Amino acid sequence: MNTKLVDIQPRELKFIFELKKQSSCCVQLFNNSNHHVAFKVKTTSPKKYCVRPNTGTIDPKSTCEFTVTMQAQRLVPPDMVCKDKFLVQTTVVPAGTTNEDITSSTFAKDDGKYIDESKLRVILVSPPDSPVVSPISGTLKQVPAYEPSILKDQLLSKVEGLTQRHTQVPAHESSILNDQVPSKDESLTQWHTVTKEVEESKLENGELKPENDVEYVTMKGTEELKLVKDIEDMKSEINELESKLSEAKVTISKLTEERRLTFQERESLQKELALLRSKRNMRKVQVGFPLLFVCMVALISVMLGYLLHR
């Protein structure tokens, strides 16, 4: 199979790079064949990018797309050069294959199965009104929001300089310069036209999306606020649990001490009870007479009585 199974657009993933901000890029896959095709997306930096969906199926002569999101970065790469790459694998699958049926074995190169692979490279693009990287030194350069007015003033100054030069040239060349040097109004009109064309081209290429950026910033701000609130709630719950744990430890220590004191009191009471029992037995021995002594006295008394009556 010499032809490509799918046509991938774009072949380069362009991300608008801003520090601590995410950036997304959409890729379209067109199935050129008359078969059902399964695709899988891999990357050299899986922790840096999020691909949704990273696997799927495409019907014959149909189009499918996936979105690649670059996570927020804290450092600017040197010279804004990114060496990350993506690999798109495609292969023919039977009709009715679902996303759950697609596994790693689907793209295994065995039994003569044809696996089409396409590599995509990553390009970082600086946003128009945010810190950009200088191509010479690689340092951040803040582009102010009022830069268009500066450009306009520079253009006007150039026009004025050309006008002054025009007043100093000979008369036979003035007619030529009149045709070549525009006036201030014409320069402003040309500048606005060029600016409008640049903005339209950026909008067409997907490099400038003000509404989406505002929605994204708003959504991200809401998510950050929610995340901060969840963290604060979690911290308060942890503090509450710690306080309860400390109270439980104090209660356990008190109960342990009370148990020890109770055990000591029980031992002392048992000793006192044993002492009282021993004293009681001694009193019984001292007060009473033995049974044998009583019997002997009774027997002697009977014998004496018998002898006296005789």
C-alpha atoms as a PDB file:
ATOM      1  CA  MET A   1       0.000   0.000   0.000  1.00  0.00           C
ATOM      2  CA  ASN A   2       1.937   2.974  -1.334  1.00  0.00           C
ATOM      3  CA  THR A   3      -0.564   5.760  -0.634  1.00  0.00           C
ATOM      4  CA  LYS A   4      -1.161   7.264   2.770  1.00  0.00           C
ATOM      5  CA  LEU A   5      -4.226   6.018   4.592  1.00  0.00           C
ATOM      6  CA  VAL A   6      -5.043   9.436   6.015  1.00  0.00           C
ATOM      7  CA  ASP A   7      -4.250  13.025   5.139  1.00  0.00           C
ATOM      8  CA  ILE A   8      -3.132  15.047   8.189  1.00  0.00           C
ATOM      9  CA  GLN A   9      -3.652  18.806   8.439  1.00  0.00           C
ATOM     10  CA  PRO A  10      -1.680  20.609   9.713  1.00  0.00           C
ATOM     11  CA  ARG A  11       1.602  18.772   9.559  1.00  0.00           C
ATOM     12  CA  GLU A  12       3.093  21.106  12.181  1.00  0.00           C
ATOM     13  CA  LEU A  13       1.514  21.692  15.583  1.00  0.00           C
ATOM     14  CA  LYS A  14       1.674  25.405  16.360  1.00  0.00           C
ATOM     15  CA  PHE A  15       1.156  26.450  19.985  1.00  0.00           C
ATOM     16  CA  ILE A  16       0.903  30.028  21.206  1.00  0.00           C
ATOM     17  CA  PHE A  17       3.464  29.940  24.000  1.00  0.00           C
ATOM     18  CA  GLU A  18       2.696  31.916  27.145  1.00  0.00           C
ATOM     19  CA  LEU A  19       4.196  31.284  30.552  1.00  0.00           C
ATOM     20  CA  LYS A  20       1.855  29.516  33.004  1.00  0.00           C
ATOM     21  CA  LYS A  21      -0.895  29.231  30.359  1.00  0.00           C
ATOM     22  CA  GLN A  22      -2.190  26.285  28.392  1.00  0.00           C
ATOM     23  CA  SER A  23      -2.341  26.267  24.605  1.00  0.00           C
ATOM     24  CA  SER A  24      -4.292  24.004  22.255  1.00  0.00           C
ATOM     25  CA  CYS A  25      -4.006  22.929  18.638  1.00  0.00           C
ATOM     26  CA  CYS A  26      -6.530  21.014  16.509  1.00  0.00           C
ATOM     27  CA  VAL A  27      -5.470  18.367  13.965  1.00  0.00           C
ATOM     28  CA  GLN A  28      -7.739  16.954  11.247  1.00  0.00           C
ATOM     29  CA  LEU A  29      -7.445  13.446   9.786  1.00  0.00           C
ATOM     30  CA  PHE A  30      -9.035  12.657   6.395  1.00  0.00           C
ATOM     31  CA  ASN A  31      -9.473   8.988   5.440  1.00  0.00           C
ATOM     32  CA  ASN A  32      -8.301   8.627   1.834  1.00  0.00           C
ATOM     33  CA  SER A  33      -9.129   4.925   1.601  1.00  0.00           C
ATOM     34  CA  ASN A  34     -12.345   2.971   1.151  1.00  0.00           C
ATOM     35  CA  HIS A  35     -11.768   1.088   4.430  1.00  0.00           C
ATOM     36  CA  HIS A  36     -12.377   1.837   8.068  1.00  0.00           C
ATOM     37  CA  VAL A  37      -9.183   3.196   9.621  1.00  0.00           C
ATOM     38  CA  ALA A  38      -8.098   3.282  13.263  1.00  0.00           C
ATOM     39  CA  PHE A  39      -5.634   5.894  14.512  1.00  0.00           C
ATOM     40  CA  LYS A  40      -3.485   6.356  17.596  1.00  0.00           C
ATOM     41  CA  VAL A  41      -1.483   9.429  18.643  1.00  0.00           C
ATOM     42  CA  LYS A  42       1.812   9.155  20.550  1.00  0.00           C
ATOM     43  CA  THR A  43       4.219  11.845  21.748  1.00  0.00           C
ATOM     44  CA  THR A  44       7.771  12.016  23.034  1.00  0.00           C
ATOM     45  CA  SER A  45       6.595  14.060  26.069  1.00  0.00           C
ATOM     46  CA  PRO A  46       3.396  12.446  27.380  1.00  0.00           C
ATOM     47  CA  LYS A  47       3.457  14.454  30.642  1.00  0.00           C
ATOM     48  CA  LYS A  48       3.661  17.745  28.760  1.00  0.00           C
ATOM     49  CA  TYR A  49       0.746  17.243  26.351  1.00  0.00           C
ATOM     50  CA  CYS A  50      -2.839  16.037  26.592  1.00  0.00           C
ATOM     51  CA  VAL A  51      -4.389  14.475  23.463  1.00  0.00           C
ATOM     52  CA  ARG A  52      -8.176  14.065  23.254  1.00  0.00           C
ATOM     53  CA  PRO A  53      -9.007  11.645  21.807  1.00  0.00           C
ATOM     54  CA  ASN A  54      -5.718   9.829  21.392  1.00  0.00           C
ATOM     55  CA  THR A  55      -7.379   6.857  19.647  1.00  0.00           C
ATOM     56  CA  GLY A  56     -10.378   6.447  17.380  1.00  0.00           C
ATOM     57  CA  THR A  57     -11.794   5.201  14.109  1.00  0.00           C
ATOM     58  CA  ILE A  58     -12.487   7.015  10.831  1.00  0.00           C
ATOM     59  CA  ASP A  59     -15.116   5.950   8.318  1.00  0.00           C
ATOM     60  CA  PRO A  60     -14.185   5.703   4.627  1.00  0.00           C
ATOM     61  CA  LYS A  61     -13.770   9.117   2.973  1.00  0.00           C
ATOM     62  CA  SER A  62     -14.585  10.823   6.278  1.00  0.00           C
ATOM     63  CA  THR A  63     -12.860  13.326   8.522  1.00  0.00           C
ATOM     64  CA  CYS A  64     -11.957  13.096  12.191  1.00  0.00           C
ATOM     65  CA  GLU A  65     -10.066  15.492  14.428  1.00  0.00           C
ATOM     66  CA  PHE A  66      -8.250  15.463  17.754  1.00  0.00           C
ATOM     67  CA  THR A  67      -7.078  18.264  20.025  1.00  0.00           C
ATOM     68  CA  VAL A  68      -3.599  18.545  21.501  1.00  0.00           C
ATOM     69  CA  THR A  69      -3.256  20.697  24.631  1.00  0.00           C
ATOM     70  CA  MET A  70       0.140  21.821  25.864  1.00  0.00           C
ATOM     71  CA  GLN A  71       0.209  22.142  29.633  1.00  0.00           C
ATOM     72  CA  ALA A  72       1.223  25.414  31.282  1.00  0.00           C
ATOM     73  CA  GLN A  73       5.005  25.835  31.274  1.00  0.00           C
ATOM     74  CA  ARG A  74       7.106  27.739  33.809  1.00  0.00           C
ATOM     75  CA  LEU A  75      10.241  28.190  31.718  1.00  0.00           C
ATOM     76  CA  VAL A  76      10.834  29.514  28.218  1.00  0.00           C
ATOM     77  CA  PRO A  77      12.736  27.045  26.004  1.00  0.00           C
ATOM     78  CA  PRO A  78      15.989  28.368  24.510  1.00  0.00           C
ATOM     79  CA  ASP A  79      15.331  30.377  21.335  1.00  0.00           C
ATOM     80  CA  MET A  80      11.692  29.204  21.444  1.00  0.00           C
ATOM     81  CA  VAL A  81      12.765  25.887  19.892  1.00  0.00           C
ATOM     82  CA  CYS A  82      10.803  22.771  20.877  1.00  0.00           C
ATOM     83  CA  LYS A  83      12.129  19.323  20.015  1.00  0.00           C
ATOM     84  CA  ASP A  84       8.943  17.468  20.952  1.00  0.00           C
ATOM     85  CA  LYS A  85       7.381  15.295  18.251  1.00  0.00           C
ATOM     86  CA  PHE A  86       4.112  13.455  17.698  1.00  0.00           C
ATOM     87  CA  LEU A  87       3.553  10.142  15.920  1.00  0.00           C
ATOM     88  CA  VAL A  88       0.215   9.334  14.283  1.00  0.00           C
ATOM     89  CA  GLN A  89      -0.252   5.617  13.588  1.00  0.00           C
ATOM     90  CA  THR A  90      -3.061   4.393  11.325  1.00  0.00           C
ATOM     91  CA  THR A  91      -4.151   0.966  10.159  1.00  0.00           C
ATOM     92  CA  VAL A  92      -7.121  -0.680   8.447  1.00  0.00           C
ATOM     93  CA  VAL A  93      -9.697  -2.251  10.792  1.00  0.00           C
ATOM     94  CA  PRO A  94     -12.942  -4.185  10.165  1.00  0.00           C
ATOM     95  CA  ALA A  95     -16.201  -2.286   9.894  1.00  0.00           C
ATOM     96  CA  GLY A  96     -17.969  -1.872  13.217  1.00  0.00           C
ATOM     97  CA  THR A  97     -14.770  -1.489  15.233  1.00  0.00           C
ATOM     98  CA  THR A  98     -15.333   0.781  18.250  1.00  0.00           C
ATOM     99  CA  ASN A  99     -12.916   2.853  20.294  1.00  0.00           C
ATOM    100  CA  GLU A 100     -13.002   0.221  23.049  1.00  0.00           C
ATOM    101  CA  ASP A 101     -11.775  -2.394  20.561  1.00  0.00           C
ATOM    102  CA  ILE A 102      -8.619  -0.400  19.804  1.00  0.00           C
ATOM    103  CA  THR A 103      -5.674  -1.629  21.882  1.00  0.00           C
ATOM    104  CA  SER A 104      -1.901  -1.619  21.615  1.00  0.00           C
ATOM    105  CA  SER A 105      -2.050  -4.887  19.687  1.00  0.00           C
ATOM    106  CA  THR A 106      -4.087  -3.138  16.967  1.00  0.00           C
ATOM    107  CA  PHE A 107      -0.946  -1.273  15.875  1.00  0.00           C
ATOM    108  CA  ALA A 108       1.495  -4.155  16.386  1.00  0.00           C
ATOM    109  CA  LYS A 109       3.648  -4.750  13.311  1.00  0.00           C
ATOM    110  CA  ASP A 110       3.115  -8.484  12.981  1.00  0.00           C
ATOM    111  CA  ASP A 111       1.573 -10.899  10.474  1.00  0.00           C
ATOM    112  CA  GLY A 112       2.273  -8.505   7.628  1.00  0.00           C
ATOM    113  CA  LYS A 113      -0.139  -5.867   8.958  1.00  0.00           C
ATOM    114  CA  TYR A 114       0.320  -2.458   7.328  1.00  0.00           C
ATOM    115  CA  ILE A 115       0.878   0.354   9.822  1.00  0.00           C
ATOM    116  CA  ASP A 116       1.066   3.866   8.409  1.00  0.00           C
ATOM    117  CA  GLU A 117       3.083   6.303  10.540  1.00  0.00           C
ATOM    118  CA  SER A 118       3.325  10.080  10.239  1.00  0.00           C
ATOM    119  CA  LYS A 119       5.491  12.365  12.370  1.00  0.00           C
ATOM    120  CA  LEU A 120       4.419  15.849  13.402  1.00  0.00           C
ATOM    121  CA  ARG A 121       6.748  18.408  14.897  1.00  0.00           C
ATOM    122  CA  VAL A 122       5.944  21.167  17.377  1.00  0.00           C
ATOM    123  CA  ILE A 123       6.412  24.892  16.710  1.00  0.00           C
ATOM    124  CA  LEU A 124       6.090  27.527  19.437  1.00  0.00           C
ATOM    125  CA  VAL A 125       4.602  30.882  18.424  1.00  0.00           C
ATOM    126  CA  SER A 126       4.844  34.046  20.506  1.00  0.00           C
ATOM    127  CA  PRO A 127       1.527  35.830  21.152  1.00  0.00           C
ATOM    128  CA  PRO A 128       1.157  39.338  19.646  1.00  0.00           C
ATOM    129  CA  ASP A 129       0.609  41.305  22.880  1.00  0.00           C
ATOM    130  CA  SER A 130       2.591  39.323  25.437  1.00  0.00           C
ATOM    131  CA  PRO A 131       6.260  38.626  26.305  1.00  0.00           C
ATOM    132  CA  VAL A 132       8.055  37.258  23.269  1.00  0.00           C
ATOM    133  CA  VAL A 133      11.532  35.830  22.808  1.00  0.00           C
ATOM    134  CA  SER A 134      14.157  37.736  20.896  1.00  0.00           C
ATOM    135  CA  PRO A 135      15.620  35.558  18.107  1.00  0.00           C
ATOM    136  CA  ILE A 136      19.169  36.781  18.880  1.00  0.00           C
ATOM    137  CA  SER A 137      19.524  36.565  22.641  1.00  0.00           C
ATOM    138  CA  GLY A 138      16.511  34.412  23.518  1.00  0.00           C
ATOM    139  CA  THR A 139      15.459  36.842  26.258  1.00  0.00           C
ATOM    140  CA  LEU A 140      11.940  37.992  26.989  1.00  0.00           C
ATOM    141  CA  LYS A 141      10.867  41.264  25.446  1.00  0.00           C
ATOM    142  CA  GLN A 142       7.638  42.888  26.576  1.00  0.00           C
ATOM    143  CA  VAL A 143       5.571  44.144  23.636  1.00  0.00           C
ATOM    144  CA  PRO A 144       3.366  47.006  24.936  1.00  0.00           C
ATOM    145  CA  ALA A 145      -0.279  47.308  24.043  1.00  0.00           C
ATOM    146  CA  TYR A 146       0.286  50.736  22.457  1.00  0.00           C
ATOM    147  CA  GLU A 147       2.820  49.435  19.921  1.00  0.00           C
ATOM    148  CA  PRO A 148       0.526  50.174  16.915  1.00  0.00           C
ATOM    149  CA  SER A 149       0.587  53.884  17.777  1.00  0.00           C
ATOM    150  CA  ILE A 150       4.395  53.742  17.969  1.00  0.00           C
ATOM    151  CA  LEU A 151       4.524  52.072  14.570  1.00  0.00           C
ATOM    152  CA  LYS A 152       2.208  54.719  13.217  1.00  0.00           C
ATOM    153  CA  ASP A 153       4.419  57.512  14.569  1.00  0.00           C
ATOM    154  CA  GLN A 154       7.484  55.826  13.088  1.00  0.00           C
ATOM    155  CA  LEU A 155       5.740  55.574   9.728  1.00  0.00           C
ATOM    156  CA  LEU A 156       4.741  59.236   9.884  1.00  0.00           C
ATOM    157  CA  SER A 157       8.290  60.253  10.795  1.00  0.00           C
ATOM    158  CA  LYS A 158       9.610  58.300   7.807  1.00  0.00           C
ATOM    159  CA  VAL A 159       7.068  59.955   5.564  1.00  0.00           C
ATOM    160  CA  GLU A 160       8.058  63.380   6.879  1.00  0.00           C
ATOM    161  CA  GLY A 161      11.723  62.550   6.323  1.00  0.00           C
ATOM    162  CA  LEU A 162      10.966  61.543   2.752  1.00  0.00           C
ATOM    163  CA  THR A 163       8.983  64.749   2.309  1.00  0.00           C
ATOM    164  CA  GLN A 164      11.897  66.850   3.565  1.00  0.00           C
ATOM    165  CA  ARG A 165      14.249  65.021   1.214  1.00  0.00           C
ATOM    166  CA  HIS A 166      11.770  65.664  -1.554  1.00  0.00           C
ATOM    167  CA  THR A 167      11.956  69.418  -0.910  1.00  0.00           C
ATOM    168  CA  GLN A 168      15.755  69.289  -1.236  1.00  0.00           C
ATOM    169  CA  VAL A 169      15.973  67.409  -4.536  1.00  0.00           C
ATOM    170  CA  PRO A 170      16.174  69.188  -7.873  1.00  0.00           C
ATOM    171  CA  ALA A 171      13.058  70.298  -9.676  1.00  0.00           C
ATOM    172  CA  HIS A 172      13.365  67.745 -12.487  1.00  0.00           C
ATOM    173  CA  GLU A 173      13.190  64.893  -9.872  1.00  0.00           C
ATOM    174  CA  SER A 174      10.326  66.331  -7.807  1.00  0.00           C
ATOM    175  CA  SER A 175       7.665  65.050 -10.156  1.00  0.00           C
ATOM    176  CA  ILE A 176       8.997  61.511  -9.807  1.00  0.00           C
ATOM    177  CA  LEU A 177       9.041  61.745  -6.015  1.00  0.00           C
ATOM    178  CA  ASN A 178       5.517  63.144  -5.989  1.00  0.00           C
ATOM    179  CA  ASP A 179       4.380  59.931  -7.599  1.00  0.00           C
ATOM    180  CA  GLN A 180       6.385  57.721  -5.201  1.00  0.00           C
ATOM    181  CA  VAL A 181       6.112  59.392  -1.739  1.00  0.00           C
ATOM    182  CA  PRO A 182       2.627  59.112  -0.160  1.00  0.00           C
ATOM    183  CA  SER A 183       1.038  61.785   1.972  1.00  0.00           C
ATOM    184  CA  LYS A 184       0.269  61.392   5.693  1.00  0.00           C
ATOM    185  CA  ASP A 185      -3.357  60.506   5.100  1.00  0.00           C
ATOM    186  CA  GLU A 186      -2.425  57.965   2.449  1.00  0.00           C
ATOM    187  CA  SER A 187       0.219  56.487   4.775  1.00  0.00           C
ATOM    188  CA  LEU A 188      -2.296  56.151   7.594  1.00  0.00           C
ATOM    189  CA  THR A 189      -4.767  54.517   5.218  1.00  0.00           C
ATOM    190  CA  GLN A 190      -2.105  52.084   4.024  1.00  0.00           C
ATOM    191  CA  TRP A 191      -1.063  51.332   7.607  1.00  0.00           C
ATOM    192  CA  HIS A 192      -4.657  50.595   8.677  1.00  0.00           C
ATOM    193  CA  THR A 193      -5.100  48.406   5.585  1.00  0.00           C
ATOM    194  CA  VAL A 194      -1.931  46.407   6.321  1.00  0.00           C
ATOM    195  CA  THR A 195      -2.898  46.039   9.982  1.00  0.00           C
ATOM    196  CA  LYS A 196      -6.364  44.814   9.012  1.00  0.00           C
ATOM    197  CA  GLU A 197      -4.910  42.301   6.545  1.00  0.00           C
ATOM    198  CA  VAL A 198      -2.463  40.995   9.150  1.00  0.00           C
ATOM    199  CA  GLU A 199      -5.248  40.561  11.707  1.00  0.00           C
ATOM    200  CA  GLU A 200      -7.469  38.821   9.153  1.00  0.00           C
ATOM    201  CA  SER A 201      -4.630  36.473   8.191  1.00  0.00           C
ATOM    202  CA  LYS A 202      -4.018  35.672  11.857  1.00  0.00           C
ATOM    203  CA  LEU A 203      -7.706  34.987  12.361  1.00  0.00           C
ATOM    204  CA  GLU A 204      -7.756  32.690   9.329  1.00  0.00           C
ATOM    205  CA  ASN A 205      -4.655  30.792  10.498  1.00  0.00           C
ATOM    206  CA  GLY A 206      -6.068  30.426  14.001  1.00  0.00           C
ATOM    207  CA  GLU A 207      -3.245  32.456  15.580  1.00  0.00           C
ATOM    208  CA  LEU A 208      -5.554  35.186  16.906  1.00  0.00           C
ATOM    209  CA  LYS A 209      -8.761  34.254  18.683  1.00  0.00           C
ATOM    210  CA  PRO A 210      -9.702  37.123  20.984  1.00  0.00           C
ATOM    211  CA  GLU A 211     -13.144  35.822  21.928  1.00  0.00           C
ATOM    212  CA  ASN A 212     -11.879  32.337  22.619  1.00  0.00           C
ATOM    213  CA  ASP A 213      -8.941  33.761  24.563  1.00  0.00           C
ATOM    214  CA  VAL A 214     -11.299  35.827  26.734  1.00  0.00           C
ATOM    215  CA  GLU A 215     -13.528  32.821  27.323  1.00  0.00           C
ATOM    216  CA  TYR A 216     -10.487  30.664  28.050  1.00  0.00           C
ATOM    217  CA  VAL A 217      -9.044  33.212  30.497  1.00  0.00           C
ATOM    218  CA  THR A 218     -12.444  33.542  32.212  1.00  0.00           C
ATOM    219  CA  MET A 219     -12.877  29.782  32.410  1.00  0.00           C
ATOM    220  CA  LYS A 220      -9.319  29.316  33.666  1.00  0.00           C
ATOM    221  CA  GLY A 221      -9.811  32.057  36.272  1.00  0.00           C
ATOM    222  CA  THR A 222     -12.997  30.373  37.470  1.00  0.00           C
ATOM    223  CA  GLU A 223     -11.236  27.022  37.664  1.00  0.00           C
ATOM    224  CA  GLU A 224      -8.328  28.565  39.578  1.00  0.00           C
ATOM    225  CA  LEU A 225     -10.726  30.222  42.047  1.00  0.00           C
ATOM    226  CA  LYS A 226     -12.541  26.923  42.491  1.00  0.00           C
ATOM    227  CA  LEU A 227      -9.239  25.130  42.981  1.00  0.00           C
ATOM    228  CA  VAL A 228      -8.109  27.693  45.572  1.00  0.00           C
ATOM    229  CA  LYS A 229     -11.441  27.352  47.376  1.00  0.00           C
ATOM    230  CA  ASP A 230     -11.165  23.556  47.370  1.00  0.00           C
ATOM    231  CA  ILE A 231      -7.624  23.801  48.746  1.00  0.00           C
ATOM    232  CA  GLU A 232      -8.755  26.154  51.515  1.00  0.00           C
ATOM    233  CA  ASP A 233     -11.647  23.831  52.387  1.00  0.00           C
ATOM    234  CA  MET A 234      -9.286  20.878  52.446  1.00  0.00           C
ATOM    235  CA  LYS A 235      -6.868  22.778  54.705  1.00  0.00           C
ATOM    236  CA  SER A 236      -9.683  23.689  57.103  1.00  0.00           C
ATOM    237  CA  GLU A 237     -10.856  20.067  57.170  1.00  0.00           C
ATOM    238  CA  ILE A 238      -7.297  18.898  57.847  1.00  0.00           C
ATOM    239  CA  ASN A 239      -6.946  21.422  60.684  1.00  0.00           C
ATOM    240  CA  GLU A 240     -10.274  20.299  62.133  1.00  0.00           C
ATOM    241  CA  LEU A 241      -9.209  16.652  61.937  1.00  0.00           C
ATOM    242  CA  GLU A 242      -5.900  17.487  63.597  1.00  0.00           C
ATOM    243  CA  SER A 243      -7.696  19.291  66.431  1.00  0.00           C
ATOM    244  CA  LYS A 244     -10.045  16.325  66.879  1.00  0.00           C
ATOM    245  CA  LEU A 245      -7.071  13.973  66.855  1.00  0.00           C
ATOM    246  CA  SER A 246      -5.311  16.020  69.542  1.00  0.00           C
ATOM    247  CA  GLU A 247      -8.507  16.017  71.639  1.00  0.00           C
ATOM    248  CA  ALA A 248      -8.782  12.253  71.198  1.00  0.00           C
ATOM    249  CA  LYS A 249      -5.169  11.827  72.327  1.00  0.00           C
ATOM    250  CA  VAL A 250      -5.845  13.921  75.451  1.00  0.00           C
ATOM    251  CA  THR A 251      -9.002  11.907  76.199  1.00  0.00           C
ATOM    252  CA  ILE A 252      -7.133   8.614  75.758  1.00  0.00           C
ATOM    253  CA  SER A 253      -4.362   9.779  78.099  1.00  0.00           C
ATOM    254  CA  LYS A 254      -6.965  10.814  80.728  1.00  0.00           C
ATOM    255  CA  LEU A 255      -8.761   7.461  80.459  1.00  0.00           C
ATOM    256  CA  THR A 256      -5.455   5.620  80.763  1.00  0.00           C
ATOM    257  CA  GLU A 257      -4.566   7.567  83.912  1.00  0.00           C
ATOM    258  CA  GLU A 258      -8.021   6.969  85.412  1.00  0.00           C
ATOM    259  CA  ARG A 259      -7.722   3.248  84.673  1.00  0.00           C
ATOM    260  CA  ARG A 260      -4.347   3.127  86.402  1.00  0.00           C
ATOM    261  CA  LEU A 261      -5.724   4.939  89.470  1.00  0.00           C
ATOM    262  CA  THR A 262      -8.770   2.637  89.539  1.00  0.00           C
ATOM    263  CA  PHE A 263      -6.524  -0.403  89.425  1.00  0.00           C
ATOM    264  CA  GLN A 264      -4.436   0.944  92.309  1.00  0.00           C
ATOM    265  CA  GLU A 265      -7.551   1.674  94.379  1.00  0.00           C
ATOM    266  CA  ARG A 266      -8.861  -1.821  93.666  1.00  0.00           C
ATOM    267  CA  GLU A 267      -5.610  -3.389  94.873  1.00  0.00           C
ATOM    268  CA  SER A 268      -5.648  -1.282  98.038  1.00  0.00           C
ATOM    269  CA  LEU A 269      -9.276  -2.233  98.743  1.00  0.00           C
ATOM    270  CA  GLN A 270      -8.469  -5.924  98.278  1.00  0.00           C
ATOM    271  CA  LYS A 271      -5.575  -5.638 100.717  1.00  0.00           C
ATOM    272  CA  GLU A 272      -7.787  -3.874 103.294  1.00  0.00           C
ATOM    273  CA  LEU A 273     -10.511  -6.545 102.876  1.00  0.00           C
ATOM    274  CA  ALA A 274      -7.985  -9.334 103.424  1.00  0.00           C
ATOM    275  CA  LEU A 275      -6.708  -7.551 106.542  1.00  0.00           C
ATOM    276  CA  LEU A 276     -10.239  -7.189 107.939  1.00  0.00           C
ATOM    277  CA  ARG A 277     -10.970 -10.878 107.351  1.00  0.00           C
ATOM    278  CA  SER A 278      -7.811 -11.908 109.179  1.00  0.00           C
ATOM    279  CA  LYS A 279      -8.692  -9.677 112.150  1.00  0.00           C
ATOM    280  CA  ARG A 280     -12.224 -11.137 112.290  1.00  0.00           C
ATOM    281  CA  ASN A 281     -10.914 -14.689 112.409  1.00  0.00           C
ATOM    282  CA  MET A 282      -8.576 -13.793 115.249  1.00  0.00           C
ATOM    283  CA  ARG A 283     -11.489 -12.376 117.291  1.00  0.00           C
ATOM    284  CA  LYS A 284     -13.496 -15.573 116.823  1.00  0.00           C
ATOM    285  CA  VAL A 285     -10.604 -17.661 118.150  1.00  0.00           C
ATOM    286  CA  GLN A 286     -10.138 -15.458 121.233  1.00  0.00           C
ATOM    287  CA  VAL A 287     -13.857 -15.299 122.314  1.00  0.00           C
ATOM    288  CA  GLY A 288     -15.076 -18.893 121.853  1.00  0.00           C
ATOM    289  CA  PHE A 289     -14.024 -22.285 123.468  1.00  0.00           C
ATOM    290  CA  PRO A 290     -13.027 -25.442 121.666  1.00  0.00           C
ATOM    291  CA  LEU A 291     -15.720 -28.100 121.228  1.00  0.00           C
ATOM    292  CA  LEU A 292     -13.606 -30.820 122.845  1.00  0.00           C
ATOM    293  CA  PHE A 293     -13.136 -28.687 125.960  1.00  0.00           C
ATOM    294  CA  VAL A 294     -16.888 -28.188 126.263  1.00  0.00           C
ATOM    295  CA  CYS A 295     -17.559 -31.934 125.876  1.00  0.00           C
ATOM    296  CA  MET A 296     -14.997 -32.802 128.532  1.00  0.00           C
ATOM    297  CA  VAL A 297     -16.477 -30.335 131.008  1.00  0.00           C
ATOM    298  CA  ALA A 298     -19.980 -31.712 130.377  1.00  0.00           C
ATOM    299  CA  LEU A 299     -18.827 -35.285 130.863  1.00  0.00           C
ATOM    300  CA  ILE A 300     -17.073 -34.491 134.122  1.00  0.00           C
ATOM    301  CA  SER A 301     -20.135 -32.659 135.380  1.00  0.00           C
ATOM    302  CA  VAL A 302     -22.377 -35.662 134.643  1.00  0.00           C
ATOM    303  CA  MET A 303     -20.023 -38.023 136.449  1.00  0.00           C
ATOM    304  CA  LEU A 304     -19.807 -35.734 139.497  1.00  0.00           C
ATOM    305  CA  GLY A 305     -23.570 -35.476 139.660  1.00  0.00           C
ATOM    306  CA  TYR A 306     -24.001 -39.212 139.460  1.00  0.00           C
ATOM    307  CA  LEU A 307     -21.485 -39.799 142.251  1.00  0.00           C
ATOM    308  CA  LEU A 308     -23.179 -37.214 144.500  1.00  0.00           C
ATOM    309  CA  HIS A 309     -26.672 -38.708 144.136  1.00  0.00           C
ATOM    310  CA  ARG A 310     -25.374 -42.140 144.846  1.00  0.00           C
END
